[in-house]
N, C-alpha and C. Protein backbone atom coordinates (compact mmCIF):
# COMPACT_ATOMS: atom_id res chain seq x y z
N MET A 1 93.48 49.70 133.95
CA MET A 1 93.35 48.59 132.70
C MET A 1 94.31 47.70 132.49
N HIS A 2 94.31 46.66 132.17
CA HIS A 2 94.97 45.18 131.11
C HIS A 2 95.96 45.74 130.30
N THR A 3 97.34 45.97 130.49
CA THR A 3 97.41 46.25 128.69
C THR A 3 96.97 44.05 128.29
N GLN A 4 98.07 44.03 126.92
CA GLN A 4 98.20 42.58 126.67
C GLN A 4 98.21 41.54 127.78
N SER A 5 97.52 40.27 127.36
CA SER A 5 97.67 39.47 128.42
C SER A 5 97.87 38.08 127.24
N CYS A 6 98.66 37.32 127.69
CA CYS A 6 98.78 36.05 127.14
C CYS A 6 98.28 34.43 128.14
N VAL A 7 98.34 33.93 127.64
CA VAL A 7 98.31 32.35 128.08
C VAL A 7 98.64 31.70 127.18
N GLU A 8 100.01 30.73 127.49
CA GLU A 8 99.95 29.45 126.65
C GLU A 8 99.60 28.69 127.02
N ILE A 9 99.29 27.77 125.97
CA ILE A 9 98.66 26.81 125.85
C ILE A 9 99.26 25.42 125.51
N LYS A 10 99.27 24.95 126.61
CA LYS A 10 100.06 23.15 126.75
C LYS A 10 98.95 22.14 126.95
N ASN A 11 98.29 22.68 127.86
CA ASN A 11 97.33 21.20 128.76
C ASN A 11 95.70 22.12 128.80
N GLU A 12 94.32 21.05 129.17
CA GLU A 12 93.52 21.70 129.35
C GLU A 12 93.03 22.56 130.14
N TRP A 13 94.13 22.88 131.09
CA TRP A 13 93.68 23.54 132.37
C TRP A 13 94.48 25.04 131.69
N ASN A 14 95.45 25.20 130.69
CA ASN A 14 95.52 26.32 130.09
C ASN A 14 94.24 27.06 129.05
N ILE A 15 93.54 26.13 128.98
CA ILE A 15 92.58 26.21 128.46
C ILE A 15 91.05 27.47 129.48
N VAL A 16 91.38 27.01 130.50
CA VAL A 16 90.43 27.12 131.27
C VAL A 16 91.04 28.58 131.65
N GLN A 17 92.41 28.90 132.26
CA GLN A 17 92.91 30.12 131.87
C GLN A 17 92.45 30.82 131.53
N ALA A 18 92.99 30.86 129.81
CA ALA A 18 92.42 31.86 128.81
C ALA A 18 90.84 32.52 128.73
N ARG A 19 90.44 31.28 129.29
CA ARG A 19 89.09 31.50 129.21
C ARG A 19 88.33 32.47 130.25
N GLN A 20 88.85 32.51 131.42
CA GLN A 20 89.16 33.17 133.06
C GLN A 20 89.38 35.09 132.20
N LEU A 21 91.07 35.16 131.17
CA LEU A 21 91.28 35.71 131.40
C LEU A 21 90.09 36.41 130.21
N GLY A 22 90.14 36.34 129.40
CA GLY A 22 89.02 36.50 128.61
C GLY A 22 87.70 37.01 129.28
N ARG A 23 86.50 36.09 129.69
CA ARG A 23 86.16 36.63 130.81
C ARG A 23 86.40 38.12 131.69
N GLU A 24 87.35 37.86 132.54
CA GLU A 24 87.98 39.19 133.15
C GLU A 24 87.69 40.55 132.25
N LEU A 25 88.73 40.51 131.15
CA LEU A 25 89.22 41.86 129.99
C LEU A 25 87.88 42.16 130.17
N SER A 26 87.19 41.30 129.52
CA SER A 26 85.88 42.12 128.45
C SER A 26 85.00 42.88 129.67
N LYS A 27 84.70 41.98 130.60
CA LYS A 27 83.98 42.46 132.14
C LYS A 27 84.36 44.23 132.04
N GLU A 28 86.08 44.31 132.61
CA GLU A 28 86.43 45.34 132.72
C GLU A 28 86.26 46.06 131.75
N LEU A 29 86.22 45.84 130.43
CA LEU A 29 85.77 46.47 129.21
C LEU A 29 84.83 47.31 129.21
N GLY A 30 83.56 46.67 130.06
CA GLY A 30 82.13 47.00 130.10
C GLY A 30 81.47 46.49 128.94
N PHE A 31 81.94 45.37 128.58
CA PHE A 31 80.94 44.63 127.71
C PHE A 31 79.54 43.37 128.41
N GLN A 32 79.01 43.55 127.58
CA GLN A 32 77.63 43.02 128.65
C GLN A 32 77.68 41.30 128.40
N THR A 33 76.85 40.90 129.63
CA THR A 33 77.29 39.36 129.98
C THR A 33 77.25 38.69 128.74
N VAL A 34 75.68 39.07 127.76
CA VAL A 34 75.92 37.96 126.74
C VAL A 34 77.50 38.29 125.89
N ASP A 35 77.77 39.26 125.46
CA ASP A 35 78.89 39.84 124.77
C ASP A 35 80.63 38.97 125.31
N GLN A 36 80.40 38.99 126.74
CA GLN A 36 81.41 38.18 127.70
C GLN A 36 81.35 36.65 127.43
N ALA A 37 79.93 36.07 127.22
CA ALA A 37 79.87 34.92 127.18
C ALA A 37 80.14 34.72 126.09
N ARG A 38 80.10 35.26 124.51
CA ARG A 38 80.24 34.79 123.06
C ARG A 38 82.00 35.16 122.91
N ILE A 39 82.81 36.11 123.81
CA ILE A 39 84.13 35.80 123.98
C ILE A 39 84.76 35.07 124.44
N THR A 40 84.39 34.57 125.73
CA THR A 40 84.60 33.38 126.21
C THR A 40 84.62 32.16 125.67
N THR A 41 83.35 31.71 125.21
CA THR A 41 83.30 30.43 124.30
C THR A 41 84.22 31.09 123.15
N ALA A 42 84.56 31.57 122.36
CA ALA A 42 85.44 32.10 121.27
C ALA A 42 87.18 31.94 121.84
N ILE A 43 87.40 31.94 123.08
CA ILE A 43 88.68 31.72 123.35
C ILE A 43 89.04 30.51 123.59
N SER A 44 87.70 30.04 124.08
CA SER A 44 87.51 28.58 124.05
C SER A 44 87.86 27.68 122.87
N GLU A 45 87.09 27.91 122.52
CA GLU A 45 87.28 27.44 120.93
C GLU A 45 88.52 27.44 120.36
N LEU A 46 89.27 28.53 120.27
CA LEU A 46 90.17 29.02 119.54
C LEU A 46 91.73 28.31 120.66
N ALA A 47 91.67 27.98 121.61
CA ALA A 47 92.36 27.70 122.98
C ALA A 47 92.58 25.73 122.57
N ARG A 48 91.18 25.44 122.40
CA ARG A 48 90.81 24.03 122.72
C ARG A 48 91.58 23.55 121.00
N ASN A 49 91.53 24.61 119.56
CA ASN A 49 92.43 23.71 118.72
C ASN A 49 93.67 24.01 118.65
N ILE A 50 94.26 24.79 119.49
CA ILE A 50 95.49 24.97 119.48
C ILE A 50 96.01 23.50 120.07
N TYR A 51 95.48 23.10 121.01
CA TYR A 51 95.74 22.14 122.11
C TYR A 51 95.45 20.61 121.53
N LEU A 52 94.46 20.79 120.76
CA LEU A 52 93.85 19.43 119.81
C LEU A 52 95.14 19.38 118.86
N TYR A 53 95.53 20.08 118.37
CA TYR A 53 95.71 20.19 116.40
C TYR A 53 97.14 20.53 116.91
N ALA A 54 98.10 21.56 117.62
CA ALA A 54 99.04 22.22 117.47
C ALA A 54 100.09 21.61 118.81
N ASN A 55 99.27 21.37 119.80
CA ASN A 55 99.89 20.56 121.15
C ASN A 55 100.07 21.84 122.00
N ASP A 56 100.85 22.85 120.96
CA ASP A 56 100.89 24.38 122.34
C ASP A 56 101.12 25.53 121.09
N GLY A 57 100.51 26.68 122.22
CA GLY A 57 100.55 27.53 120.98
C GLY A 57 100.32 28.63 122.36
N ILE A 58 100.13 30.12 121.95
CA ILE A 58 99.47 30.93 122.68
C ILE A 58 98.33 31.93 122.28
N ILE A 59 97.54 32.08 123.30
CA ILE A 59 95.89 32.92 123.12
C ILE A 59 97.09 34.27 123.89
N THR A 60 96.24 35.60 122.74
CA THR A 60 96.65 36.46 123.73
C THR A 60 95.12 37.70 123.33
N VAL A 61 95.01 38.56 124.23
CA VAL A 61 93.70 39.22 124.88
C VAL A 61 94.29 40.48 124.89
N GLU A 62 93.85 41.10 124.05
CA GLU A 62 94.32 42.79 124.89
C GLU A 62 93.08 43.69 124.25
N PRO A 63 93.23 44.70 125.00
CA PRO A 63 92.02 45.90 124.41
C PRO A 63 92.59 46.18 123.21
N PHE A 64 91.43 46.91 122.32
CA PHE A 64 91.76 47.28 121.23
C PHE A 64 91.32 48.41 120.75
N ASN A 65 91.68 49.46 120.86
CA ASN A 65 91.00 50.93 119.95
C ASN A 65 91.49 51.36 118.68
N ASN A 66 90.10 51.34 117.89
CA ASN A 66 90.04 52.03 116.46
C ASN A 66 89.74 53.39 116.60
N MET A 67 90.33 54.02 116.01
CA MET A 67 89.78 55.20 115.82
C MET A 67 88.66 55.51 117.06
N GLY A 68 89.12 55.28 118.17
CA GLY A 68 87.96 55.64 119.20
C GLY A 68 86.76 54.54 119.08
N LYS A 69 86.78 53.65 118.76
CA LYS A 69 86.23 52.09 118.92
C LYS A 69 86.84 51.15 119.54
N LEU A 70 86.22 50.89 120.91
CA LEU A 70 87.04 50.06 121.48
C LEU A 70 86.56 48.49 121.79
N GLY A 71 87.20 47.74 121.64
CA GLY A 71 87.40 46.39 121.80
C GLY A 71 88.26 45.61 122.14
N LEU A 72 88.03 44.29 122.23
CA LEU A 72 88.69 42.93 122.53
C LEU A 72 89.35 42.11 121.86
N LYS A 73 90.83 42.81 121.52
CA LYS A 73 91.39 41.28 120.52
C LYS A 73 92.17 40.66 120.93
N VAL A 74 91.94 39.03 120.38
CA VAL A 74 92.22 37.51 120.55
C VAL A 74 92.96 37.33 119.48
N VAL A 75 94.02 37.00 119.73
CA VAL A 75 94.72 36.37 119.01
C VAL A 75 95.22 35.02 119.44
N SER A 76 95.01 33.90 118.47
CA SER A 76 95.52 32.68 118.57
C SER A 76 96.53 32.67 117.96
N SER A 77 97.81 31.85 118.23
CA SER A 77 99.24 31.94 117.55
C SER A 77 99.34 30.28 117.72
N ASP A 78 100.11 29.68 116.74
CA ASP A 78 100.33 27.95 117.02
C ASP A 78 101.72 27.95 116.13
N LYS A 79 102.35 26.90 116.11
CA LYS A 79 103.83 26.35 115.29
C LYS A 79 103.02 24.96 115.11
N GLY A 80 101.90 24.56 114.84
CA GLY A 80 101.61 23.60 114.78
C GLY A 80 101.50 23.01 113.04
N PRO A 81 101.21 22.37 112.86
CA PRO A 81 101.00 21.67 111.24
C PRO A 81 99.99 22.52 110.31
N GLY A 82 99.63 23.29 110.76
CA GLY A 82 98.73 24.79 110.10
C GLY A 82 97.92 24.22 109.65
N ILE A 83 96.52 24.21 109.03
CA ILE A 83 95.40 23.92 108.40
C ILE A 83 95.64 23.80 106.73
N LYS A 84 95.34 22.80 106.34
CA LYS A 84 95.70 22.17 104.88
C LYS A 84 94.51 22.72 103.81
N ASP A 85 93.26 23.54 104.54
CA ASP A 85 92.48 23.69 103.76
C ASP A 85 91.74 24.68 104.53
N ILE A 86 92.09 25.92 104.38
CA ILE A 86 90.85 26.70 105.23
C ILE A 86 90.00 26.95 104.50
N ARG A 87 89.39 27.01 103.57
CA ARG A 87 88.17 27.04 103.22
C ARG A 87 87.22 25.74 103.85
N LYS A 88 88.01 24.62 103.59
CA LYS A 88 86.82 23.28 104.19
C LYS A 88 87.05 23.63 105.76
N ALA A 89 88.09 24.10 106.19
CA ALA A 89 87.75 23.84 108.13
C ALA A 89 86.71 25.03 108.55
N MET A 90 86.37 25.99 107.12
CA MET A 90 85.03 27.43 107.59
C MET A 90 83.82 27.16 107.57
N GLU A 91 83.74 25.57 106.86
CA GLU A 91 82.36 24.97 106.42
C GLU A 91 81.91 24.38 107.99
N ASP A 92 80.80 24.71 108.29
CA ASP A 92 79.81 24.41 109.29
C ASP A 92 79.94 22.78 109.10
N GLY A 93 80.17 22.28 110.11
CA GLY A 93 79.70 20.88 110.46
C GLY A 93 81.00 20.33 110.35
N TYR A 94 82.66 20.78 109.43
CA TYR A 94 83.62 20.11 109.08
C TYR A 94 84.33 20.09 110.24
N THR A 95 84.92 18.78 110.45
CA THR A 95 85.68 18.49 111.56
C THR A 95 86.59 17.40 111.52
N THR A 96 87.63 17.26 112.11
CA THR A 96 88.71 16.44 111.85
C THR A 96 88.91 15.59 113.26
N SER A 97 88.27 16.06 114.06
CA SER A 97 88.34 15.63 115.14
C SER A 97 87.47 14.60 116.36
N GLY A 98 86.47 14.77 114.98
CA GLY A 98 84.87 14.52 115.52
C GLY A 98 84.42 14.53 116.53
N GLY A 99 84.57 16.18 116.61
CA GLY A 99 83.79 17.58 117.32
C GLY A 99 82.29 17.52 116.80
N LEU A 100 81.95 18.61 117.09
CA LEU A 100 80.49 19.48 116.44
C LEU A 100 80.85 19.75 115.26
N GLY A 101 81.56 19.94 115.05
CA GLY A 101 82.65 20.88 113.60
C GLY A 101 82.10 22.57 113.80
N ALA A 102 81.77 23.08 115.14
CA ALA A 102 81.40 24.53 114.99
C ALA A 102 82.38 25.36 115.34
N GLY A 103 83.82 24.96 115.74
CA GLY A 103 85.23 25.70 115.92
C GLY A 103 85.02 26.86 115.33
N LEU A 104 86.32 26.92 114.51
CA LEU A 104 85.96 27.86 113.49
C LEU A 104 84.69 28.64 112.98
N PRO A 105 84.23 27.98 112.14
CA PRO A 105 83.01 29.16 111.82
C PRO A 105 81.96 29.74 113.02
N GLY A 106 82.54 28.98 114.15
CA GLY A 106 81.36 29.74 115.41
C GLY A 106 81.76 30.76 116.17
N VAL A 107 83.35 30.85 116.23
CA VAL A 107 84.13 31.27 116.54
C VAL A 107 83.65 33.17 115.23
N LYS A 108 83.84 32.87 114.30
CA LYS A 108 83.75 33.89 113.21
C LYS A 108 82.57 34.71 113.38
N ARG A 109 80.90 33.63 113.51
CA ARG A 109 79.91 34.48 113.92
C ARG A 109 79.75 35.11 115.36
N LEU A 110 80.80 34.39 116.31
CA LEU A 110 80.44 35.41 117.46
C LEU A 110 81.10 36.53 117.96
N MET A 111 82.41 36.68 116.97
CA MET A 111 83.06 37.24 117.32
C MET A 111 82.90 38.62 115.75
N ASP A 112 83.15 39.85 115.68
CA ASP A 112 82.48 40.90 114.73
C ASP A 112 83.78 40.96 113.96
N GLU A 113 84.74 40.73 114.34
CA GLU A 113 85.92 40.79 113.08
C GLU A 113 86.89 39.33 113.25
N PHE A 114 87.27 38.80 112.07
CA PHE A 114 87.93 37.48 112.12
C PHE A 114 88.79 36.98 110.92
N LYS A 115 89.95 36.68 111.22
CA LYS A 115 91.13 36.85 110.07
C LYS A 115 91.82 35.57 110.45
N ILE A 116 92.27 34.71 109.11
CA ILE A 116 93.19 33.89 109.74
C ILE A 116 94.03 33.34 108.52
N HIS A 117 95.02 33.17 109.08
CA HIS A 117 96.38 33.30 108.18
C HIS A 117 96.92 31.58 108.87
N SER A 118 97.20 30.71 107.84
CA SER A 118 97.53 29.30 108.31
C SER A 118 98.69 28.80 107.00
N GLN A 119 99.84 28.62 107.20
CA GLN A 119 100.37 27.85 105.87
C GLN A 119 101.38 26.54 107.13
N GLU A 120 100.34 25.47 105.81
CA GLU A 120 100.85 24.19 106.33
C GLU A 120 102.43 24.02 106.76
N GLY A 121 102.49 23.58 107.86
CA GLY A 121 104.05 23.23 107.88
C GLY A 121 104.73 24.40 108.79
N SER A 122 103.87 25.20 108.92
CA SER A 122 104.10 26.53 109.93
C SER A 122 103.40 27.06 111.18
N GLY A 123 102.17 26.94 110.88
CA GLY A 123 101.29 27.25 111.94
C GLY A 123 100.30 28.19 111.79
N THR A 124 99.48 28.21 112.66
CA THR A 124 98.31 29.18 112.19
C THR A 124 98.39 30.37 113.12
N GLU A 125 97.49 31.40 113.23
CA GLU A 125 97.21 32.78 113.54
C GLU A 125 96.31 32.96 113.12
N ILE A 126 95.15 33.21 113.84
CA ILE A 126 93.75 33.66 114.36
C ILE A 126 93.51 34.94 115.00
N VAL A 127 93.36 36.10 114.35
CA VAL A 127 92.92 37.38 115.11
C VAL A 127 91.28 37.32 115.01
N ALA A 128 90.46 37.49 116.02
CA ALA A 128 89.20 37.84 116.05
C ALA A 128 88.75 38.88 116.88
N ILE A 129 88.22 39.75 116.81
CA ILE A 129 88.15 41.43 117.69
C ILE A 129 85.93 40.98 117.60
N LYS A 130 85.95 41.69 119.29
CA LYS A 130 84.43 41.97 119.66
C LYS A 130 84.33 43.24 120.19
N TRP A 131 83.82 44.14 119.51
CA TRP A 131 83.71 45.93 119.15
C TRP A 131 82.40 45.81 120.48
N LEU A 132 82.58 46.93 121.45
CA LEU A 132 81.74 47.28 122.52
C LEU A 132 80.79 48.16 122.05
N ARG A 133 79.43 47.70 122.69
CA ARG A 133 78.32 48.37 121.95
C ARG A 133 78.08 49.39 122.51
């Protein structure tokens, strides 16, 4: 079984690599197809945000065990401009890129746990976990 795996996000191809990594690891851990798709979509959204807003960063995907409960932990981190207003960024429909605005709220809905820490001028870290059912 994999331990921690990382993909550096610098271009659109890296987004595809991060998605593939998430799909492979979630399948290896025994996630059903629907949850594999949820994880893959969440990773894609997080990686795209790095690419669009921070230019580069890292997606880390790893098995996560909490008192016998197995899950998959996804960490998105960058040293970009940070998120000025996290509350606003978490509203459905809010977008600064002209997209659909499903980004971070969508990731939160797709995963079971979601934490965000961002500081203007220093970057953003998002931790999302999907538990194996």
